[in-house]
Amino acid sequence: MPRKPETIIKQARQRIVRIRETLGDVDYLCSGTLLQRTKVCGKAGCRCAQDPNARHGPYFEWGHMQGGKLVHRAVSPEQAAILRLAIDNYRNVKQLLRDWEVETERLIDAEVPRKA
């Protein structure tokens, strides 16, 4: 038996309220990718040239789109920790917006049924 439109509307509105509350709790938000790298310095006598475990680092780089171009930026370990959280938040927000869109579609279909 199909659910009543009132039930669908009530549940969809409740889910939207939860989504909005979750979005309101977001603080840091960034798109992009965080890379952790080690590097070879290029000095002839340095161990990093021979031994991969002796490479310098780790160094952190944040890659993101800016003005339609991919840019990379070196960041400190402290900044990397915050960026990691911000990037996770960004991905979660995108998912929440997709969920909100689905619930909105349900609301529209329940509130104003399509005419045959």
N, C-alpha and C. Protein backbone atom coordinates (compact mmCIF):
# COMPACT_ATOMS: atom_id res chain seq x y z
N MET A 1 0.84 -1.18 0.00
CA MET A 1 0.00 0.00 0.00
C MET A 1 0.89 1.24 0.00
N PRO A 2 0.67 2.15 -0.94
CA PRO A 2 1.49 3.36 -1.00
C PRO A 2 1.27 4.24 0.24
N ARG A 3 2.32 4.95 0.59
CA ARG A 3 2.23 5.85 1.74
C ARG A 3 1.37 7.06 1.39
N LYS A 4 0.76 7.60 2.42
CA LYS A 4 -0.07 8.79 2.24
C LYS A 4 0.82 9.99 1.96
N PRO A 5 0.33 10.91 1.13
CA PRO A 5 1.12 12.12 0.85
C PRO A 5 1.48 12.89 2.12
N GLU A 6 0.58 12.91 3.11
CA GLU A 6 0.87 13.63 4.35
C GLU A 6 2.08 13.03 5.06
N THR A 7 2.16 11.70 5.06
CA THR A 7 3.29 11.01 5.70
C THR A 7 4.58 11.30 4.95
N ILE A 8 4.52 11.25 3.64
CA ILE A 8 5.70 11.53 2.81
C ILE A 8 6.18 12.95 3.06
N ILE A 9 5.24 13.89 3.08
CA ILE A 9 5.59 15.30 3.29
C ILE A 9 6.22 15.49 4.66
N LYS A 10 5.62 14.91 5.69
CA LYS A 10 6.14 15.06 7.05
C LYS A 10 7.55 14.50 7.17
N GLN A 11 7.76 13.29 6.63
CA GLN A 11 9.08 12.66 6.72
C GLN A 11 10.13 13.43 5.92
N ALA A 12 9.76 13.89 4.74
CA ALA A 12 10.70 14.65 3.91
C ALA A 12 11.08 15.95 4.60
N ARG A 13 10.11 16.63 5.18
CA ARG A 13 10.40 17.88 5.90
C ARG A 13 11.30 17.63 7.11
N GLN A 14 11.09 16.53 7.81
CA GLN A 14 11.94 16.18 8.96
C GLN A 14 13.38 15.92 8.50
N ARG A 15 13.52 15.21 7.39
CA ARG A 15 14.87 14.93 6.87
C ARG A 15 15.55 16.23 6.43
N ILE A 16 14.81 17.13 5.82
CA ILE A 16 15.37 18.42 5.40
C ILE A 16 15.81 19.23 6.62
N VAL A 17 15.02 19.21 7.68
CA VAL A 17 15.40 19.93 8.90
C VAL A 17 16.72 19.38 9.44
N ARG A 18 16.86 18.04 9.46
CA ARG A 18 18.12 17.44 9.95
C ARG A 18 19.29 17.82 9.05
N ILE A 19 19.06 17.84 7.75
CA ILE A 19 20.12 18.24 6.81
C ILE A 19 20.53 19.68 7.08
N ARG A 20 19.57 20.57 7.25
CA ARG A 20 19.87 21.99 7.49
C ARG A 20 20.62 22.18 8.81
N GLU A 21 20.24 21.42 9.83
CA GLU A 21 20.95 21.50 11.12
C GLU A 21 22.39 21.05 10.97
N THR A 22 22.59 19.96 10.23
CA THR A 22 23.94 19.45 10.01
C THR A 22 24.77 20.47 9.24
N LEU A 23 24.18 21.09 8.22
CA LEU A 23 24.90 22.11 7.46
C LEU A 23 25.27 23.30 8.33
N GLY A 24 24.42 23.64 9.27
CA GLY A 24 24.68 24.77 10.16
C GLY A 24 25.85 24.52 11.10
N ASP A 25 26.19 23.26 11.32
CA ASP A 25 27.30 22.91 12.22
C ASP A 25 28.65 22.95 11.53
N VAL A 26 28.67 23.10 10.21
CA VAL A 26 29.93 23.07 9.46
C VAL A 26 30.69 24.37 9.68
N ASP A 27 31.98 24.24 9.97
CA ASP A 27 32.82 25.42 10.20
C ASP A 27 33.77 25.59 9.02
N TYR A 28 34.79 24.77 8.94
CA TYR A 28 35.77 24.85 7.85
C TYR A 28 35.24 24.09 6.64
N LEU A 29 35.49 24.66 5.45
CA LEU A 29 34.99 24.07 4.22
C LEU A 29 35.92 24.43 3.07
N CYS A 30 36.54 23.42 2.46
CA CYS A 30 37.44 23.64 1.31
C CYS A 30 37.32 22.47 0.35
N SER A 31 37.38 22.78 -0.92
CA SER A 31 37.47 21.72 -1.92
C SER A 31 38.95 21.42 -2.16
N GLY A 32 39.21 20.36 -2.89
CA GLY A 32 40.58 20.07 -3.27
C GLY A 32 41.08 18.76 -2.69
N THR A 33 42.39 18.60 -2.81
CA THR A 33 43.07 17.39 -2.37
C THR A 33 44.29 17.78 -1.55
N LEU A 34 44.52 17.02 -0.51
CA LEU A 34 45.69 17.24 0.32
C LEU A 34 46.69 16.13 0.05
N LEU A 35 47.91 16.51 -0.31
CA LEU A 35 48.96 15.53 -0.61
C LEU A 35 50.04 15.60 0.46
N GLN A 36 50.57 14.44 0.80
CA GLN A 36 51.71 14.36 1.70
C GLN A 36 52.86 13.77 0.89
N ARG A 37 53.97 14.50 0.81
CA ARG A 37 55.08 14.09 -0.04
C ARG A 37 56.39 14.10 0.72
N THR A 38 57.32 13.30 0.21
CA THR A 38 58.71 13.39 0.63
C THR A 38 59.50 13.76 -0.61
N LYS A 39 60.64 14.42 -0.41
CA LYS A 39 61.37 14.93 -1.57
C LYS A 39 62.85 14.60 -1.50
N VAL A 40 63.45 14.57 -2.69
CA VAL A 40 64.90 14.41 -2.84
C VAL A 40 65.47 15.81 -3.02
N CYS A 41 66.52 16.14 -2.26
CA CYS A 41 67.03 17.52 -2.27
C CYS A 41 67.96 17.82 -3.45
N GLY A 42 68.63 16.83 -3.99
CA GLY A 42 69.52 17.06 -5.12
C GLY A 42 70.98 17.24 -4.76
N LYS A 43 71.30 17.29 -3.48
CA LYS A 43 72.70 17.39 -3.07
C LYS A 43 73.37 16.04 -3.27
N ALA A 44 74.57 16.06 -3.86
CA ALA A 44 75.27 14.82 -4.22
C ALA A 44 75.54 13.92 -3.02
N GLY A 45 75.92 14.48 -1.89
CA GLY A 45 76.29 13.67 -0.74
C GLY A 45 75.14 13.29 0.17
N CYS A 46 73.94 13.69 -0.13
CA CYS A 46 72.81 13.45 0.77
C CYS A 46 72.28 12.03 0.60
N ARG A 47 71.89 11.42 1.71
CA ARG A 47 71.37 10.05 1.68
C ARG A 47 70.05 9.94 0.93
N CYS A 48 69.33 11.02 0.82
CA CYS A 48 68.01 10.96 0.19
C CYS A 48 68.08 10.53 -1.27
N ALA A 49 69.23 10.73 -1.91
CA ALA A 49 69.37 10.35 -3.31
C ALA A 49 69.42 8.83 -3.47
N GLN A 50 69.91 8.13 -2.46
CA GLN A 50 70.07 6.68 -2.54
C GLN A 50 68.96 5.91 -1.82
N ASP A 51 68.54 6.42 -0.68
CA ASP A 51 67.61 5.69 0.18
C ASP A 51 66.25 6.40 0.20
N PRO A 52 65.21 5.75 -0.35
CA PRO A 52 63.87 6.36 -0.34
C PRO A 52 63.36 6.65 1.07
N ASN A 53 63.81 5.88 2.06
CA ASN A 53 63.37 6.11 3.44
C ASN A 53 64.05 7.32 4.07
N ALA A 54 65.10 7.84 3.43
CA ALA A 54 65.82 8.99 3.96
C ALA A 54 65.42 10.30 3.29
N ARG A 55 64.38 10.25 2.48
CA ARG A 55 63.93 11.47 1.80
C ARG A 55 63.46 12.51 2.81
N HIS A 56 63.50 13.76 2.39
CA HIS A 56 63.13 14.87 3.26
C HIS A 56 61.61 15.03 3.30
N GLY A 57 61.14 15.41 4.46
CA GLY A 57 59.70 15.62 4.61
C GLY A 57 59.16 14.88 5.82
N PRO A 58 57.91 14.70 5.92
CA PRO A 58 56.91 14.92 4.88
C PRO A 58 56.55 16.41 4.71
N TYR A 59 56.21 16.74 3.49
CA TYR A 59 55.71 18.07 3.14
C TYR A 59 54.27 17.91 2.68
N PHE A 60 53.46 18.90 2.96
CA PHE A 60 52.05 18.85 2.59
C PHE A 60 51.77 19.86 1.50
N GLU A 61 50.96 19.43 0.52
CA GLU A 61 50.51 20.31 -0.56
C GLU A 61 49.00 20.21 -0.68
N TRP A 62 48.39 21.36 -0.86
CA TRP A 62 46.96 21.43 -1.08
C TRP A 62 46.73 21.80 -2.53
N GLY A 63 46.05 20.94 -3.27
CA GLY A 63 45.71 21.20 -4.66
C GLY A 63 44.22 21.50 -4.78
N HIS A 64 43.89 22.59 -5.47
CA HIS A 64 42.50 22.96 -5.65
C HIS A 64 42.35 23.83 -6.90
N MET A 65 41.11 23.94 -7.35
CA MET A 65 40.82 24.76 -8.52
C MET A 65 40.64 26.21 -8.09
N GLN A 66 41.27 27.10 -8.85
CA GLN A 66 41.15 28.53 -8.57
C GLN A 66 41.12 29.25 -9.92
N GLY A 67 40.02 29.90 -10.19
CA GLY A 67 39.88 30.61 -11.46
C GLY A 67 39.95 29.67 -12.66
N GLY A 68 39.42 28.45 -12.50
CA GLY A 68 39.42 27.48 -13.59
C GLY A 68 40.73 26.75 -13.79
N LYS A 69 41.70 26.98 -12.93
CA LYS A 69 43.00 26.32 -13.06
C LYS A 69 43.32 25.58 -11.77
N LEU A 70 44.02 24.47 -11.92
CA LEU A 70 44.48 23.70 -10.76
C LEU A 70 45.73 24.36 -10.20
N VAL A 71 45.68 24.71 -8.93
CA VAL A 71 46.83 25.31 -8.27
C VAL A 71 47.22 24.46 -7.08
N HIS A 72 48.51 24.43 -6.79
CA HIS A 72 49.04 23.71 -5.64
C HIS A 72 49.70 24.72 -4.72
N ARG A 73 49.59 24.45 -3.44
CA ARG A 73 50.15 25.35 -2.45
C ARG A 73 50.73 24.53 -1.31
N ALA A 74 51.94 24.87 -0.89
CA ALA A 74 52.55 24.21 0.26
C ALA A 74 51.86 24.71 1.53
N VAL A 75 51.58 23.78 2.44
CA VAL A 75 50.95 24.14 3.71
C VAL A 75 51.70 23.48 4.86
N SER A 76 51.61 24.07 6.02
CA SER A 76 52.27 23.52 7.20
C SER A 76 51.50 22.30 7.70
N PRO A 77 52.12 21.47 8.54
CA PRO A 77 51.39 20.32 9.11
C PRO A 77 50.13 20.75 9.88
N GLU A 78 50.20 21.88 10.56
CA GLU A 78 49.03 22.36 11.30
C GLU A 78 47.91 22.76 10.34
N GLN A 79 48.29 23.45 9.25
CA GLN A 79 47.29 23.82 8.24
C GLN A 79 46.74 22.57 7.57
N ALA A 80 47.59 21.57 7.35
CA ALA A 80 47.15 20.33 6.71
C ALA A 80 46.08 19.63 7.54
N ALA A 81 46.23 19.64 8.85
CA ALA A 81 45.23 19.01 9.72
C ALA A 81 43.88 19.71 9.57
N ILE A 82 43.88 21.03 9.51
CA ILE A 82 42.63 21.78 9.35
C ILE A 82 42.06 21.56 7.94
N LEU A 83 42.94 21.56 6.94
CA LEU A 83 42.48 21.33 5.57
C LEU A 83 41.87 19.95 5.40
N ARG A 84 42.44 18.96 6.05
CA ARG A 84 41.90 17.59 5.97
C ARG A 84 40.45 17.60 6.46
N LEU A 85 40.20 18.27 7.58
CA LEU A 85 38.85 18.40 8.11
C LEU A 85 37.96 19.18 7.15
N ALA A 86 38.47 20.28 6.60
CA ALA A 86 37.70 21.13 5.70
C ALA A 86 37.33 20.40 4.41
N ILE A 87 38.24 19.59 3.90
CA ILE A 87 37.97 18.82 2.67
C ILE A 87 36.93 17.74 2.95
N ASP A 88 37.04 17.06 4.09
CA ASP A 88 36.02 16.08 4.47
C ASP A 88 34.66 16.75 4.62
N ASN A 89 34.64 17.93 5.24
CA ASN A 89 33.39 18.68 5.39
C ASN A 89 32.79 19.03 4.03
N TYR A 90 33.65 19.44 3.09
CA TYR A 90 33.18 19.81 1.75
C TYR A 90 32.49 18.62 1.08
N ARG A 91 33.11 17.46 1.18
CA ARG A 91 32.53 16.25 0.57
C ARG A 91 31.21 15.89 1.24
N ASN A 92 31.16 16.03 2.56
CA ASN A 92 29.91 15.75 3.28
C ASN A 92 28.82 16.74 2.91
N VAL A 93 29.17 18.01 2.77
CA VAL A 93 28.19 19.04 2.39
C VAL A 93 27.63 18.74 1.00
N LYS A 94 28.49 18.34 0.07
CA LYS A 94 28.01 18.00 -1.27
C LYS A 94 27.00 16.86 -1.21
N GLN A 95 27.28 15.85 -0.38
CA GLN A 95 26.35 14.73 -0.23
C GLN A 95 25.04 15.19 0.41
N LEU A 96 25.14 16.03 1.42
CA LEU A 96 23.93 16.55 2.07
C LEU A 96 23.08 17.35 1.08
N LEU A 97 23.71 18.13 0.22
CA LEU A 97 22.95 18.89 -0.79
C LEU A 97 22.26 17.96 -1.78
N ARG A 98 22.92 16.87 -2.15
CA ARG A 98 22.27 15.89 -3.03
C ARG A 98 21.07 15.26 -2.33
N ASP A 99 21.23 14.94 -1.03
CA ASP A 99 20.13 14.38 -0.26
C ASP A 99 18.97 15.37 -0.16
N TRP A 100 19.30 16.64 0.06
CA TRP A 100 18.28 17.69 0.15
C TRP A 100 17.50 17.77 -1.16
N GLU A 101 18.21 17.66 -2.26
CA GLU A 101 17.56 17.71 -3.58
C GLU A 101 16.57 16.55 -3.73
N VAL A 102 16.97 15.36 -3.30
CA VAL A 102 16.08 14.19 -3.38
C VAL A 102 14.82 14.42 -2.54
N GLU A 103 15.01 14.93 -1.33
CA GLU A 103 13.86 15.19 -0.45
C GLU A 103 12.96 16.28 -1.03
N THR A 104 13.54 17.28 -1.65
CA THR A 104 12.74 18.33 -2.29
C THR A 104 11.89 17.75 -3.41
N GLU A 105 12.48 16.86 -4.18
CA GLU A 105 11.72 16.22 -5.25
C GLU A 105 10.55 15.42 -4.67
N ARG A 106 10.80 14.71 -3.57
CA ARG A 106 9.71 13.98 -2.91
C ARG A 106 8.60 14.93 -2.46
N LEU A 107 9.01 16.06 -1.88
CA LEU A 107 8.02 17.04 -1.43
C LEU A 107 7.18 17.56 -2.59
N ILE A 108 7.84 17.91 -3.66
CA ILE A 108 7.12 18.44 -4.82
C ILE A 108 6.13 17.41 -5.36
N ASP A 109 6.58 16.16 -5.47
CA ASP A 109 5.69 15.11 -5.98
C ASP A 109 4.52 14.84 -5.03
N ALA A 110 4.76 14.94 -3.72
CA ALA A 110 3.69 14.68 -2.75
C ALA A 110 2.73 15.86 -2.62
N GLU A 111 3.26 17.08 -2.69
CA GLU A 111 2.42 18.27 -2.51
C GLU A 111 1.60 18.60 -3.76
N VAL A 112 2.21 18.42 -4.90
CA VAL A 112 1.53 18.74 -6.16
C VAL A 112 1.70 17.54 -7.09
N PRO A 113 0.78 16.57 -6.99
CA PRO A 113 0.91 15.37 -7.83
C PRO A 113 0.87 15.73 -9.32
N ARG A 114 1.56 14.91 -10.09
CA ARG A 114 1.57 15.12 -11.55
C ARG A 114 0.21 14.79 -12.13
N LYS A 115 -0.13 15.54 -13.14
CA LYS A 115 -1.39 15.25 -13.83
C LYS A 115 -1.11 14.25 -14.93
N ALA A 116 -2.04 13.34 -15.08
CA ALA A 116 -1.87 12.28 -16.08
C ALA A 116 -2.16 12.77 -17.47
